[in-house]
């Protein structure tokens, strides 16, 4: 998944979902995400994620989510 947090697509970072959190009051699902280059995790809502293909060992491409803040 990519996380843009208001950044342009060229500066977006790739994150992985580490936990599914309770939905917000407006029923938006939330996720804890992490970038392997950072020491901390972030929290984001499902509406800010965008799917990315992730290559597997077999060569097929399951999808992850990428944040889309714009």
PDB file of N, CA and C in Angstrom:
ATOM      1  N   UNK A   1       0.841  -1.164   0.000  1.00  0.00           N
ATOM      2  CA  UNK A   1       0.000   0.000   0.000  1.00  0.00           C
ATOM      3  C   UNK A   1       0.882   1.220   0.000  1.00  0.00           C
ATOM      4  N   UNK A   2       0.405   2.276  -0.544  1.00  0.00           N
ATOM      5  CA  UNK A   2       1.127   3.541  -0.514  1.00  0.00           C
ATOM      6  C   UNK A   2       0.420   4.480   0.430  1.00  0.00           C
ATOM      7  N   UNK A   3       1.183   5.272   1.110  1.00  0.00           N
ATOM      8  CA  UNK A   3       0.629   6.258   2.021  1.00  0.00           C
ATOM      9  C   UNK A   3       1.097   7.612   1.559  1.00  0.00           C
ATOM     10  N   UNK A   4       0.179   8.459   1.183  1.00  0.00           N
ATOM     11  CA  UNK A   4       0.555   9.762   0.654  1.00  0.00           C
ATOM     12  C   UNK A   4       0.517  10.841   1.721  1.00  0.00           C
ATOM     13  N   UNK A   5      -0.371  10.768   2.707  1.00  0.00           N
ATOM     14  CA  UNK A   5      -0.477  11.777   3.752  1.00  0.00           C
ATOM     15  C   UNK A   5      -0.323  13.179   3.188  1.00  0.00           C
ATOM     16  N   UNK A   6      -1.026  13.472   2.086  1.00  0.00           N
ATOM     17  CA  UNK A   6      -0.991  14.801   1.501  1.00  0.00           C
ATOM     18  C   UNK A   6       0.186  15.040   0.576  1.00  0.00           C
ATOM     19  N   UNK A   7       0.988  14.032   0.309  1.00  0.00           N
ATOM     20  CA  UNK A   7       2.148  14.183  -0.559  1.00  0.00           C
ATOM     21  C   UNK A   7       1.797  13.832  -1.997  1.00  0.00           C
ATOM     22  N   UNK A   8       2.603  14.270  -2.944  1.00  0.00           N
ATOM     23  CA  UNK A   8       2.383  13.919  -4.338  1.00  0.00           C
ATOM     24  C   UNK A   8       2.691  12.440  -4.534  1.00  0.00           C
ATOM     25  N   UNK A   9       2.143  11.803  -5.592  1.00  0.00           N
ATOM     26  CA  UNK A   9       2.400  10.373  -5.808  1.00  0.00           C
ATOM     27  C   UNK A   9       3.883  10.034  -5.904  1.00  0.00           C
ATOM     28  N   UNK A  10       4.702  10.952  -6.397  1.00  0.00           N
ATOM     29  CA  UNK A  10       6.130  10.654  -6.533  1.00  0.00           C
ATOM     30  C   UNK A  10       6.829  10.577  -5.183  1.00  0.00           C
ATOM     31  N   UNK A  11       6.256  11.198  -4.156  1.00  0.00           N
ATOM     32  CA  UNK A  11       6.874  11.152  -2.832  1.00  0.00           C
ATOM     33  C   UNK A  11       6.142  10.208  -1.890  1.00  0.00           C
ATOM     34  N   UNK A  12       5.157   9.485  -2.400  1.00  0.00           N
ATOM     35  CA  UNK A  12       4.400   8.551  -1.566  1.00  0.00           C
ATOM     36  C   UNK A  12       5.302   7.404  -1.110  1.00  0.00           C
ATOM     37  N   UNK A  13       5.031   6.887   0.068  1.00  0.00           N
ATOM     38  CA  UNK A  13       5.785   5.777   0.633  1.00  0.00           C
ATOM     39  C   UNK A  13       4.914   4.528   0.631  1.00  0.00           C
ATOM     40  N   UNK A  14       5.547   3.374   0.619  1.00  0.00           N
ATOM     41  CA  UNK A  14       4.825   2.117   0.676  1.00  0.00           C
ATOM     42  C   UNK A  14       4.779   1.637   2.125  1.00  0.00           C
ATOM     43  N   UNK A  15       3.588   1.300   2.578  1.00  0.00           N
ATOM     44  CA  UNK A  15       3.351   0.845   3.947  1.00  0.00           C
ATOM     45  C   UNK A  15       2.654  -0.502   3.913  1.00  0.00           C
ATOM     46  N   UNK A  16       2.743  -1.228   5.012  1.00  0.00           N
ATOM     47  CA  UNK A  16       1.982  -2.469   5.147  1.00  0.00           C
ATOM     48  C   UNK A  16       1.039  -2.325   6.339  1.00  0.00           C
ATOM     49  N   UNK A  17      -0.095  -2.977   6.251  1.00  0.00           N
ATOM     50  CA  UNK A  17      -1.071  -2.949   7.342  1.00  0.00           C
ATOM     51  C   UNK A  17      -0.598  -3.914   8.415  1.00  0.00           C
ATOM     52  N   UNK A  18      -0.486  -3.417   9.649  1.00  0.00           N
ATOM     53  CA  UNK A  18      -0.051  -4.260  10.757  1.00  0.00           C
ATOM     54  C   UNK A  18      -1.193  -4.627  11.696  1.00  0.00           C
ATOM     55  N   UNK A  19      -2.303  -3.868  11.651  1.00  0.00           N
ATOM     56  CA  UNK A  19      -3.445  -4.173  12.518  1.00  0.00           C
ATOM     57  C   UNK A  19      -4.702  -3.503  11.983  1.00  0.00           C
ATOM     58  N   UNK A  20      -5.824  -4.145  12.216  1.00  0.00           N
ATOM     59  CA  UNK A  20      -7.125  -3.555  11.919  1.00  0.00           C
ATOM     60  C   UNK A  20      -7.657  -3.008  13.235  1.00  0.00           C
ATOM     61  N   UNK A  21      -8.026  -1.744  13.239  1.00  0.00           N
ATOM     62  CA  UNK A  21      -8.491  -1.067  14.448  1.00  0.00           C
ATOM     63  C   UNK A  21     -10.008  -0.891  14.417  1.00  0.00           C
ATOM     64  N   UNK A  22     -10.625  -0.573  15.550  1.00  0.00           N
ATOM     65  CA  UNK A  22     -12.069  -0.298  15.559  1.00  0.00           C
ATOM     66  C   UNK A  22     -12.396   0.887  14.643  1.00  0.00           C
ATOM     67  N   UNK A  23     -13.580   0.849  14.076  1.00  0.00           N
ATOM     68  CA  UNK A  23     -14.025   1.929  13.188  1.00  0.00           C
ATOM     69  C   UNK A  23     -14.201   3.226  13.973  1.00  0.00           C
ATOM     70  N   UNK A  24     -14.046   4.341  13.253  1.00  0.00           N
ATOM     71  CA  UNK A  24     -14.272   5.655  13.857  1.00  0.00           C
ATOM     72  C   UNK A  24     -15.763   5.856  14.090  1.00  0.00           C
ATOM     73  N   UNK A  25     -16.116   6.964  14.724  1.00  0.00           N
ATOM     74  CA  UNK A  25     -17.527   7.261  14.997  1.00  0.00           C
ATOM     75  C   UNK A  25     -18.358   7.334  13.721  1.00  0.00           C
ATOM     76  N   UNK A  26     -17.743   7.716  12.595  1.00  0.00           N
ATOM     77  CA  UNK A  26     -18.471   7.788  11.323  1.00  0.00           C
ATOM     78  C   UNK A  26     -18.428   6.454  10.568  1.00  0.00           C
ATOM     79  N   UNK A  27     -18.043   5.370  11.281  1.00  0.00           N
ATOM     80  CA  UNK A  27     -17.964   4.001  10.752  1.00  0.00           C
ATOM     81  C   UNK A  27     -16.863   3.793   9.717  1.00  0.00           C
ATOM     82  N   UNK A  28     -15.896   4.697   9.624  1.00  0.00           N
ATOM     83  CA  UNK A  28     -14.761   4.516   8.725  1.00  0.00           C
ATOM     84  C   UNK A  28     -13.793   3.509   9.347  1.00  0.00           C
ATOM     85  N   UNK A  29     -13.502   2.403   8.649  1.00  0.00           N
ATOM     86  CA  UNK A  29     -12.521   1.453   9.183  1.00  0.00           C
ATOM     87  C   UNK A  29     -11.148   2.114   9.327  1.00  0.00           C
ATOM     88  N   UNK A  30     -10.403   1.733  10.359  1.00  0.00           N
ATOM     89  CA  UNK A  30      -9.066   2.279  10.591  1.00  0.00           C
ATOM     90  C   UNK A  30      -8.041   1.148  10.586  1.00  0.00           C
ATOM     91  N   UNK A  31      -6.825   1.492  10.209  1.00  0.00           N
ATOM     92  CA  UNK A  31      -5.740   0.529  10.132  1.00  0.00           C
ATOM     93  C   UNK A  31      -4.475   1.119  10.737  1.00  0.00           C
ATOM     94  N   UNK A  32      -3.688   0.285  11.378  1.00  0.00           N
ATOM     95  CA  UNK A  32      -2.343   0.669  11.814  1.00  0.00           C
ATOM     96  C   UNK A  32      -1.416   0.236  10.680  1.00  0.00           C
ATOM     97  N   UNK A  33      -0.554   1.154  10.233  1.00  0.00           N
ATOM     98  CA  UNK A  33       0.325   0.874   9.101  1.00  0.00           C
ATOM     99  C   UNK A  33       1.768   1.167   9.477  1.00  0.00           C
ATOM    100  N   UNK A  34       2.686   0.551   8.739  1.00  0.00           N
ATOM    101  CA  UNK A  34       4.111   0.718   9.036  1.00  0.00           C
ATOM    102  C   UNK A  34       4.921   0.707   7.743  1.00  0.00           C
ATOM    103  N   UNK A  35       5.918   1.574   7.715  1.00  0.00           N
ATOM    104  CA  UNK A  35       6.913   1.596   6.657  1.00  0.00           C
ATOM    105  C   UNK A  35       8.176   1.018   7.268  1.00  0.00           C
ATOM    106  N   UNK A  36       8.825   0.096   6.594  1.00  0.00           N
ATOM    107  CA  UNK A  36       9.993  -0.574   7.164  1.00  0.00           C
ATOM    108  C   UNK A  36      11.155   0.374   7.443  1.00  0.00           C
ATOM    109  N   UNK A  37      11.155   1.555   6.828  1.00  0.00           N
ATOM    110  CA  UNK A  37      12.233   2.524   7.046  1.00  0.00           C
ATOM    111  C   UNK A  37      11.980   3.431   8.248  1.00  0.00           C
ATOM    112  N   UNK A  38      10.804   3.348   8.857  1.00  0.00           N
ATOM    113  CA  UNK A  38      10.467   4.198  10.001  1.00  0.00           C
ATOM    114  C   UNK A  38      10.419   3.369  11.272  1.00  0.00           C
ATOM    115  N   UNK A  39      10.665   4.007  12.401  1.00  0.00           N
ATOM    116  CA  UNK A  39      10.645   3.304  13.691  1.00  0.00           C
ATOM    117  C   UNK A  39       9.272   3.318  14.343  1.00  0.00           C
ATOM    118  N   UNK A  40       8.331   4.040  13.794  1.00  0.00           N
ATOM    119  CA  UNK A  40       7.006   4.148  14.409  1.00  0.00           C
ATOM    120  C   UNK A  40       5.928   3.679  13.430  1.00  0.00           C
ATOM    121  N   UNK A  41       4.723   3.465  13.964  1.00  0.00           N
ATOM    122  CA  UNK A  41       3.572   3.113  13.141  1.00  0.00           C
ATOM    123  C   UNK A  41       2.656   4.320  13.034  1.00  0.00           C
ATOM    124  N   UNK A  42       1.775   4.278  12.053  1.00  0.00           N
ATOM    125  CA  UNK A  42       0.787   5.340  11.842  1.00  0.00           C
ATOM    126  C   UNK A  42      -0.597   4.718  11.838  1.00  0.00           C
ATOM    127  N   UNK A  43      -1.609   5.552  12.010  1.00  0.00           N
ATOM    128  CA  UNK A  43      -3.001   5.113  11.908  1.00  0.00           C
ATOM    129  C   UNK A  43      -3.624   5.862  10.744  1.00  0.00           C
ATOM    130  N   UNK A  44      -4.376   5.142   9.906  1.00  0.00           N
ATOM    131  CA  UNK A  44      -5.041   5.755   8.763  1.00  0.00           C
ATOM    132  C   UNK A  44      -6.403   5.117   8.567  1.00  0.00           C
ATOM    133  N   UNK A  45      -7.268   5.792   7.854  1.00  0.00           N
ATOM    134  CA  UNK A  45      -8.599   5.255   7.569  1.00  0.00           C
ATOM    135  C   UNK A  45      -8.594   4.581   6.197  1.00  0.00           C
ATOM    136  N   UNK A  46      -9.573   3.708   5.994  1.00  0.00           N
ATOM    137  CA  UNK A  46      -9.655   2.950   4.756  1.00  0.00           C
ATOM    138  C   UNK A  46      -9.791   3.850   3.531  1.00  0.00           C
ATOM    139  N   UNK A  47     -10.487   4.981   3.680  1.00  0.00           N
ATOM    140  CA  UNK A  47     -10.685   5.856   2.528  1.00  0.00           C
ATOM    141  C   UNK A  47      -9.403   6.543   2.071  1.00  0.00           C
ATOM    142  N   UNK A  48      -8.339   6.453   2.841  1.00  0.00           N
ATOM    143  CA  UNK A  48      -7.067   7.045   2.423  1.00  0.00           C
ATOM    144  C   UNK A  48      -6.089   5.992   1.904  1.00  0.00           C
ATOM    145  N   UNK A  49      -6.563   4.768   1.689  1.00  0.00           N
ATOM    146  CA  UNK A  49      -5.717   3.689   1.180  1.00  0.00           C
ATOM    147  C   UNK A  49      -5.997   3.426  -0.290  1.00  0.00           C
ATOM    148  N   UNK A  50      -4.966   3.033  -0.986  1.00  0.00           N
ATOM    149  CA  UNK A  50      -5.080   2.686  -2.404  1.00  0.00           C
ATOM    150  C   UNK A  50      -4.391   1.340  -2.614  1.00  0.00           C
ATOM    151  N   UNK A  51      -5.018   0.475  -3.395  1.00  0.00           N
ATOM    152  CA  UNK A  51      -4.458  -0.860  -3.604  1.00  0.00           C
ATOM    153  C   UNK A  51      -3.220  -0.825  -4.484  1.00  0.00           C
ATOM    154  N   UNK A  52      -2.264  -1.693  -4.152  1.00  0.00           N
ATOM    155  CA  UNK A  52      -1.044  -1.870  -4.928  1.00  0.00           C
ATOM    156  C   UNK A  52      -0.836  -3.352  -5.196  1.00  0.00           C
ATOM    157  N   UNK A  53      -0.354  -3.710  -6.372  1.00  0.00           N
ATOM    158  CA  UNK A  53      -0.008  -5.116  -6.599  1.00  0.00           C
ATOM    159  C   UNK A  53       1.274  -5.452  -5.834  1.00  0.00           C
ATOM    160  N   UNK A  54       1.304  -6.637  -5.249  1.00  0.00           N
ATOM    161  CA  UNK A  54       2.482  -7.085  -4.521  1.00  0.00           C
ATOM    162  C   UNK A  54       2.903  -8.417  -5.121  1.00  0.00           C
ATOM    163  N   UNK A  55       4.085  -8.485  -5.700  1.00  0.00           N
ATOM    164  CA  UNK A  55       4.520  -9.750  -6.302  1.00  0.00           C
ATOM    165  C   UNK A  55       4.688 -10.828  -5.238  1.00  0.00           C
ATOM    166  N   UNK A  56       4.310 -12.034  -5.587  1.00  0.00           N
ATOM    167  CA  UNK A  56       4.471 -13.150  -4.661  1.00  0.00           C
ATOM    168  C   UNK A  56       5.546 -14.083  -5.204  1.00  0.00           C
ATOM    169  N   UNK A  57       5.871 -15.098  -4.447  1.00  0.00           N
ATOM    170  CA  UNK A  57       6.891 -16.066  -4.851  1.00  0.00           C
ATOM    171  C   UNK A  57       6.453 -16.839  -6.097  1.00  0.00           C
ATOM    172  N   UNK A  58       5.132 -16.977  -6.298  1.00  0.00           N
ATOM    173  CA  UNK A  58       4.624 -17.714  -7.460  1.00  0.00           C
ATOM    174  C   UNK A  58       4.510 -16.837  -8.690  1.00  0.00           C
ATOM    175  N   UNK A  59       4.707 -15.534  -8.553  1.00  0.00           N
ATOM    176  CA  UNK A  59       4.645 -14.651  -9.706  1.00  0.00           C
ATOM    177  C   UNK A  59       3.315 -13.963  -9.906  1.00  0.00           C
ATOM    178  N   UNK A  60       2.255 -14.358  -9.147  1.00  0.00           N
ATOM    179  CA  UNK A  60       0.994 -13.637  -9.279  1.00  0.00           C
ATOM    180  C   UNK A  60       1.063 -12.394  -8.406  1.00  0.00           C
ATOM    181  N   UNK A  61       0.079 -11.530  -8.515  1.00  0.00           N
ATOM    182  CA  UNK A  61       0.151 -10.233  -7.822  1.00  0.00           C
ATOM    183  C   UNK A  61      -1.074 -10.004  -6.959  1.00  0.00           C
ATOM    184  N   UNK A  62      -1.069 -10.483  -5.705  1.00  0.00           N
ATOM    185  CA  UNK A  62      -2.168 -10.098  -4.802  1.00  0.00           C
ATOM    186  C   UNK A  62      -2.085  -8.614  -4.532  1.00  0.00           C
ATOM    187  N   UNK A  63      -3.202  -8.032  -4.106  1.00  0.00           N
ATOM    188  CA  UNK A  63      -3.231  -6.585  -3.945  1.00  0.00           C
ATOM    189  C   UNK A  63      -3.239  -6.172  -2.488  1.00  0.00           C
ATOM    190  N   UNK A  64      -2.579  -5.052  -2.213  1.00  0.00           N
ATOM    191  CA  UNK A  64      -2.636  -4.393  -0.921  1.00  0.00           C
ATOM    192  C   UNK A  64      -3.304  -3.046  -1.143  1.00  0.00           C
ATOM    193  N   UNK A  65      -3.461  -2.268  -0.081  1.00  0.00           N
ATOM    194  CA  UNK A  65      -4.095  -0.965  -0.210  1.00  0.00           C
ATOM    195  C   UNK A  65      -3.068   0.143  -0.073  1.00  0.00           C
ATOM    196  N   UNK A  66      -3.308   1.209  -0.834  1.00  0.00           N
ATOM    197  CA  UNK A  66      -2.423   2.368  -0.845  1.00  0.00           C
ATOM    198  C   UNK A  66      -3.233   3.590  -0.458  1.00  0.00           C
ATOM    199  N   UNK A  67      -2.775   4.393   0.489  1.00  0.00           N
ATOM    200  CA  UNK A  67      -3.525   5.587   0.851  1.00  0.00           C
ATOM    201  C   UNK A  67      -3.692   6.539  -0.327  1.00  0.00           C
ATOM    202  N   UNK A  68      -4.857   7.135  -0.411  1.00  0.00           N
ATOM    203  CA  UNK A  68      -5.153   8.091  -1.476  1.00  0.00           C
ATOM    204  C   UNK A  68      -5.730   9.338  -0.830  1.00  0.00           C
ATOM    205  N   UNK A  69      -4.887  10.303  -0.560  1.00  0.00           N
ATOM    206  CA  UNK A  69      -5.320  11.520   0.130  1.00  0.00           C
ATOM    207  C   UNK A  69      -5.591  12.648  -0.827  1.00  0.00           C
ATOM    208  N   UNK A  70      -6.013  12.390  -2.003  1.00  0.00           N
ATOM    209  CA  UNK A  70      -6.229  13.535  -2.836  1.00  0.00           C
ATOM    210  C   UNK A  70      -6.882  13.212  -4.065  1.00  0.00           C
TER     211      UNK A  70
END
